[in-house]
Amino acid sequence: MNGLQIPNALLGEDIDDLNIFFYLREKGPDQIKLKLHYTQNMFCFMLKGVKEIINDRERFSMNDEQIGLVPSGNMLMNERVTLKKEFESLLLFFSNAYLSEFLAKFNVELTDLPIDQSAIITFPKDEYLLNFQRSMKLLEENFSKKHFRLAKMEELLLYLLEKYPQKTKGFLALSIAKEKHFSLSQVVQSHKFKNLNTVELAFLCNMSLSTFKRRFKELYKTSPKKYLIAERMNKAKQLLKVNKRPSEIYFELGYENLSSFSNEFKKHFGIPPKAYQLQS
C-alpha cells in the first residue's frame, strides 16, 4: 500500500537531494491523520501545533519547542493545531546520496557506533536552533538556489554533530545502513497495544492489506483482529488484577474510550472489567 510521497507531493517535479519547504495549514480539521512515505530524510522544525509520527517501532511527538530528525520510509502522521487553529512547520529534506557526500566532505566517522537507538530523534530548541529557525525564515525567498540550501543544511548538521554527537551519528549511521524491509512481527509487537487498525499496520510493514493478512496468519495462525483483541484482553486481566482501574488502562491498551474497552472486555469474558476485578 502506497502512502502520500513526501517531499514529492509538496514540491512536484522540483525534487533535489536537498529540499526546503515552509508548510502552513490555514484551514481544515483540528486533527488530521495521514499515511506518508518519506522518500528522503527530514528535519522538522515545528513552529505552531503538534506533529505525531508513528513508524514501524515507535510513536513520537514534537511541538514548537523541539526539532525532529526523521528517516525516510513509511510513517503514520497526526497533525494537531494550536488553540488558535494554527499549524506550521519548517521542513528540510535530504537524501541518503547527499548524506554520503556530506560525511565524506567533513570526514565524519561512523564506524563502531551503536545504532540501536530510536529511528526518530528530537532535539530541544536552544538559542542557536531558535536563531537558525529565524534565519531560515529570513532566507525563504533564496532557497531556490542550491548553494543557499547546501550552506544551511551543512550548518545545521555540523552543529548537531558537535553538540549531540552520539545521537546525531547514530541517526546518520541508521540512515546509511537502513534495512529496506521490516519484520512483520517487529511491527506488530511494537504496536499491538496502540490504537492502530489492520490497514495502518499493513502500511507500516510496507505491505498491501491482503499480503499483510496472509503473512500474519502464516506467522500467528489467526487473523490480525483476533490476535490483537486476545493480546489486549490478556493484558487487561493482568492490569486489573493489580488493582488498575478500567479508566486508567483503556488508553494504554489501544482503545479510544472507556466504553469501547468495557464493551470489548464484556464480549470477550462475559462480564464487565469492574466485575471481573471485584471477583479476582
Protein backbone atom coordinates (compact mmCIF):
# COMPACT_ATOMS: atom_id res chain seq x y z
CA MET A 1 0.00 0.00 0.00
CA ASN A 2 1.41 3.36 -1.06
CA GLY A 3 1.16 6.46 1.10
CA LEU A 4 1.41 10.07 0.03
CA GLN A 5 5.02 10.60 -1.08
CA ILE A 6 6.85 13.38 0.75
CA PRO A 7 8.50 15.72 -0.28
CA ASN A 8 7.36 14.80 -3.81
CA ALA A 9 3.74 15.78 -3.12
CA LEU A 10 4.89 19.15 -1.75
CA LEU A 11 7.43 20.06 -4.44
CA GLY A 12 6.14 18.41 -7.60
CA GLU A 13 8.93 17.81 -10.08
CA ASP A 14 11.33 20.22 -8.35
CA ILE A 15 12.99 17.48 -6.31
CA ASP A 16 16.66 17.71 -5.45
CA ASP A 17 18.97 15.92 -2.99
CA LEU A 18 18.30 18.90 -0.69
CA ASN A 19 14.83 20.45 -0.37
CA ILE A 20 13.36 23.08 1.93
CA PHE A 21 9.65 23.62 2.39
CA PHE A 22 7.67 26.01 4.60
CA TYR A 23 4.42 24.22 5.45
CA LEU A 24 1.39 26.21 6.57
CA ARG A 25 -2.08 24.73 7.05
CA GLU A 26 -4.61 27.53 7.41
CA LYS A 27 -7.84 25.56 7.12
CA GLY A 28 -9.14 22.12 7.93
CA PRO A 29 -9.99 19.98 10.97
CA ASP A 30 -8.29 20.29 14.34
CA GLN A 31 -6.54 16.97 13.71
CA ILE A 32 -5.70 15.05 10.55
CA LYS A 33 -4.15 11.61 10.17
CA LEU A 34 -2.06 10.77 7.12
CA LYS A 35 -0.22 7.81 5.64
CA LEU A 36 3.11 9.14 4.36
CA HIS A 37 6.03 7.64 2.52
CA TYR A 38 9.08 9.81 3.09
CA THR A 39 11.38 9.42 0.10
CA GLN A 40 14.07 11.44 1.90
CA ASN A 41 15.21 12.04 5.47
CA MET A 42 13.74 15.12 7.13
CA PHE A 43 14.46 17.79 9.72
CA CYS A 44 11.18 19.12 11.11
CA PHE A 45 11.08 22.45 12.93
CA MET A 46 7.61 22.68 14.45
CA LEU A 47 6.56 26.34 14.52
CA LYS A 48 2.91 26.01 15.55
CA GLY A 49 0.90 22.94 16.52
CA VAL A 50 1.91 19.37 17.31
CA LYS A 51 3.12 16.63 14.98
CA GLU A 52 2.89 12.97 15.99
CA ILE A 53 4.70 10.35 13.90
CA ILE A 54 4.36 6.57 14.12
CA ASN A 55 6.94 4.39 12.38
CA ASP A 56 7.39 0.61 12.37
CA ARG A 57 8.55 0.56 16.01
CA GLU A 58 7.55 3.64 17.98
CA ARG A 59 5.38 6.71 18.38
CA PHE A 60 6.95 10.16 18.57
CA SER A 61 5.55 13.61 19.28
CA MET A 62 7.10 17.01 18.67
CA ASN A 63 5.93 20.54 19.39
CA ASP A 64 7.27 24.06 18.83
CA GLU A 65 9.96 23.59 21.49
CA GLN A 66 11.72 20.82 19.54
CA ILE A 67 13.09 19.85 16.18
CA GLY A 68 12.77 16.31 14.90
CA LEU A 69 15.08 14.24 12.72
CA VAL A 70 13.03 11.70 10.75
CA PRO A 71 14.38 8.93 8.47
CA SER A 72 12.95 8.01 5.09
CA GLY A 73 10.30 5.30 4.97
CA ASN A 74 6.62 4.71 5.73
CA MET A 75 5.07 6.65 8.61
CA LEU A 76 1.65 7.42 10.03
CA MET A 77 1.34 11.08 10.98
CA ASN A 78 -1.10 13.12 13.05
CA GLU A 79 -1.18 16.91 12.82
CA ARG A 80 -2.88 18.79 15.68
CA VAL A 81 -3.46 22.52 15.53
CA THR A 82 -2.96 25.02 18.37
CA LEU A 83 -5.85 26.56 20.29
CA LYS A 84 -5.81 29.30 17.64
CA LYS A 85 -6.27 26.64 14.91
CA GLU A 86 -2.70 27.09 13.65
CA PHE A 87 -0.31 24.52 12.23
CA GLU A 88 3.03 25.50 10.73
CA SER A 89 6.38 23.81 10.25
CA LEU A 90 9.72 24.23 8.52
CA LEU A 91 10.84 21.07 6.70
CA LEU A 92 14.37 20.33 5.45
CA PHE A 93 14.67 17.19 3.34
CA PHE A 94 17.90 15.42 2.39
CA SER A 95 18.60 12.21 0.53
CA ASN A 96 20.99 9.46 1.56
CA ALA A 97 23.05 10.35 -1.52
CA TYR A 98 23.55 13.85 -0.10
CA LEU A 99 24.27 12.37 3.30
CA SER A 100 27.07 10.21 1.92
CA GLU A 101 28.62 13.26 0.25
CA PHE A 102 28.37 15.25 3.48
CA LEU A 103 30.06 12.51 5.53
CA ALA A 104 32.91 12.28 3.02
CA LYS A 105 33.33 16.07 2.74
CA PHE A 106 33.69 16.56 6.50
CA ASN A 107 35.38 13.24 7.29
CA VAL A 108 32.64 12.21 9.70
CA GLU A 109 33.45 8.76 11.09
CA LEU A 110 30.51 6.45 11.81
CA THR A 111 32.26 3.12 12.40
CA ASP A 112 31.96 1.19 15.69
CA LEU A 113 28.90 3.16 16.77
CA PRO A 114 25.87 1.58 18.45
CA ILE A 115 22.90 2.00 16.11
CA ASP A 116 20.15 0.57 18.31
CA GLN A 117 18.75 3.99 19.22
CA SER A 118 15.34 5.27 18.18
CA ALA A 119 14.98 5.86 14.46
CA ILE A 120 13.38 9.27 15.02
CA ILE A 121 15.17 11.64 17.38
CA THR A 122 14.34 15.08 18.74
CA PHE A 123 16.45 17.98 20.00
CA PRO A 124 15.34 20.88 22.21
CA LYS A 125 15.39 24.27 20.55
CA ASP A 126 18.30 26.02 22.23
CA GLU A 127 19.28 29.60 21.42
CA TYR A 128 21.29 28.55 18.37
CA LEU A 129 18.46 26.46 16.90
CA LEU A 130 15.97 29.27 17.51
CA ASN A 131 18.29 31.68 15.68
CA PHE A 132 18.74 29.12 12.89
CA GLN A 133 14.96 28.88 12.58
CA ARG A 134 14.67 32.66 12.34
CA SER A 135 17.45 32.82 9.74
CA MET A 136 15.64 30.25 7.60
CA LYS A 137 12.55 32.44 7.52
CA LEU A 138 14.64 35.45 6.50
CA LEU A 139 16.17 33.45 3.63
CA GLU A 140 12.90 31.90 2.47
CA GLU A 141 12.99 33.60 -0.94
CA ASN A 142 16.58 32.43 -1.59
CA PHE A 143 16.15 28.67 -1.27
CA SER A 144 15.50 28.21 -4.99
CA LYS A 145 19.31 28.50 -5.21
CA LYS A 146 21.01 25.28 -4.21
CA HIS A 147 24.06 26.90 -2.61
CA PHE A 148 21.78 28.51 0.00
CA ARG A 149 20.15 25.16 0.76
CA LEU A 150 23.54 23.47 0.92
CA ALA A 151 25.02 26.08 3.27
CA LYS A 152 22.14 25.92 5.73
CA MET A 153 21.96 22.12 5.76
CA GLU A 154 25.69 21.83 6.40
CA GLU A 155 25.44 24.43 9.15
CA LEU A 156 22.65 22.52 10.90
CA LEU A 157 24.23 19.07 10.62
CA LEU A 158 27.64 20.29 11.77
CA TYR A 159 26.11 22.00 14.80
CA LEU A 160 24.18 18.88 15.85
CA LEU A 161 27.25 16.68 15.31
CA GLU A 162 29.20 18.98 17.61
CA LYS A 163 26.57 19.35 20.34
CA TYR A 164 24.85 15.93 20.17
CA PRO A 165 27.48 13.67 18.57
CA GLN A 166 26.16 10.26 19.67
CA LYS A 167 22.52 10.88 18.84
CA THR A 168 23.29 12.54 15.51
CA LYS A 169 25.89 9.99 14.41
CA GLY A 170 23.55 7.20 15.46
CA PHE A 171 20.82 8.59 13.22
CA LEU A 172 23.21 9.05 10.29
CA ALA A 173 24.52 5.50 10.70
CA LEU A 174 20.97 4.13 10.74
CA SER A 175 20.07 6.10 7.63
CA ILE A 176 23.09 4.84 5.72
CA ALA A 177 22.72 1.21 6.80
CA LYS A 178 18.92 1.11 6.97
CA GLU A 179 17.23 -2.16 6.10
CA LYS A 180 14.82 -1.95 3.20
CA HIS A 181 12.25 -4.24 4.78
CA PHE A 182 11.00 -4.50 8.33
CA SER A 183 9.91 -7.59 10.16
CA LEU A 184 6.14 -8.00 10.37
CA SER A 185 6.44 -9.41 13.88
CA GLN A 186 8.54 -6.41 14.94
CA VAL A 187 5.84 -4.00 13.79
CA VAL A 188 3.02 -6.00 15.40
CA GLN A 189 4.78 -6.40 18.75
CA SER A 190 5.70 -2.72 18.84
CA HIS A 191 2.12 -1.55 18.18
CA LYS A 192 -0.26 -4.24 19.44
CA PHE A 193 -1.39 -2.02 22.33
CA LYS A 194 -1.71 1.11 20.18
CA ASN A 195 -4.89 2.44 18.60
CA LEU A 196 -3.94 1.25 15.10
CA ASN A 197 -6.07 -0.80 12.74
CA THR A 198 -5.04 -3.58 10.37
CA VAL A 199 -4.76 -1.23 7.39
CA GLU A 200 -2.35 1.01 9.30
CA LEU A 201 -0.24 -1.92 10.49
CA ALA A 202 0.00 -3.20 6.91
CA PHE A 203 1.14 0.24 5.79
CA LEU A 204 3.89 0.35 8.42
CA CYS A 205 5.05 -3.06 7.15
CA ASN A 206 5.09 -1.65 3.61
CA MET A 207 2.66 -4.37 2.50
CA SER A 208 -0.72 -4.48 0.82
CA LEU A 209 -3.56 -5.38 3.18
CA SER A 210 -4.03 -8.80 1.56
CA THR A 211 -0.30 -9.61 1.81
CA PHE A 212 -0.20 -8.46 5.41
CA LYS A 213 -3.19 -10.61 6.39
CA ARG A 214 -1.76 -13.65 4.61
CA ARG A 215 1.69 -13.34 6.18
CA PHE A 216 0.16 -12.54 9.57
CA LYS A 217 -1.88 -15.74 9.51
CA GLU A 218 1.19 -17.75 8.47
CA LEU A 219 3.08 -16.35 11.47
CA TYR A 220 0.39 -16.19 14.19
CA LYS A 221 -2.11 -18.85 12.96
CA THR A 222 -5.05 -16.46 13.36
CA SER A 223 -6.36 -13.18 11.96
CA PRO A 224 -4.87 -9.80 12.98
CA LYS A 225 -8.14 -8.72 14.61
CA LYS A 226 -8.49 -11.85 16.76
CA TYR A 227 -4.83 -11.75 17.76
CA LEU A 228 -4.87 -8.09 18.78
CA ILE A 229 -8.07 -8.48 20.81
CA ALA A 230 -6.69 -11.54 22.61
CA GLU A 231 -3.40 -9.77 23.42
CA ARG A 232 -5.19 -6.67 24.71
CA MET A 233 -7.64 -8.67 26.79
CA ASN A 234 -4.89 -10.76 28.37
CA LYS A 235 -3.00 -7.62 29.32
CA ALA A 236 -6.22 -6.07 30.62
CA LYS A 237 -6.69 -9.01 33.00
CA GLN A 238 -3.13 -8.60 34.30
CA LEU A 239 -3.62 -4.88 34.93
CA LEU A 240 -7.00 -5.34 36.61
CA LYS A 241 -5.53 -7.95 38.93
CA VAL A 242 -3.03 -5.40 40.26
CA ASN A 243 -5.90 -3.00 41.01
CA LYS A 244 -5.58 -0.73 38.00
CA ARG A 245 -8.94 0.91 37.32
CA PRO A 246 -10.56 0.42 33.87
CA SER A 247 -10.48 4.19 33.40
CA GLU A 248 -6.68 4.10 33.88
CA ILE A 249 -5.89 1.37 31.39
CA TYR A 250 -8.20 1.64 28.36
CA PHE A 251 -5.93 4.10 26.51
CA GLU A 252 -2.83 2.07 27.40
CA LEU A 253 -4.46 -0.91 25.71
CA GLY A 254 -5.21 0.92 22.47
CA TYR A 255 -8.86 1.94 22.97
CA GLU A 256 -10.16 5.41 22.24
CA ASN A 257 -12.54 5.50 25.20
CA LEU A 258 -13.60 3.56 28.28
CA SER A 259 -16.88 2.46 26.73
CA SER A 260 -15.27 0.69 23.76
CA PHE A 261 -12.83 -1.08 26.09
CA SER A 262 -15.56 -2.16 28.52
CA ASN A 263 -17.75 -3.49 25.70
CA GLU A 264 -14.85 -5.46 24.22
CA PHE A 265 -13.92 -6.89 27.61
CA LYS A 266 -17.50 -7.98 28.35
CA LYS A 267 -17.84 -9.53 24.90
CA HIS A 268 -14.58 -11.43 25.40
CA PHE A 269 -15.01 -12.60 29.02
CA GLY A 270 -18.76 -12.37 29.61
CA ILE A 271 -18.56 -9.78 32.41
CA PRO A 272 -17.58 -6.08 32.61
CA PRO A 273 -13.99 -5.26 33.66
CA LYS A 274 -15.10 -3.83 37.01
CA ALA A 275 -17.00 -7.01 37.88
CA TYR A 276 -14.02 -9.12 36.86
CA GLN A 277 -11.79 -7.05 39.12
CA LEU A 278 -14.12 -7.49 42.10
CA GLN A 279 -14.20 -11.26 41.77
CA SER A 280 -10.44 -11.67 41.19
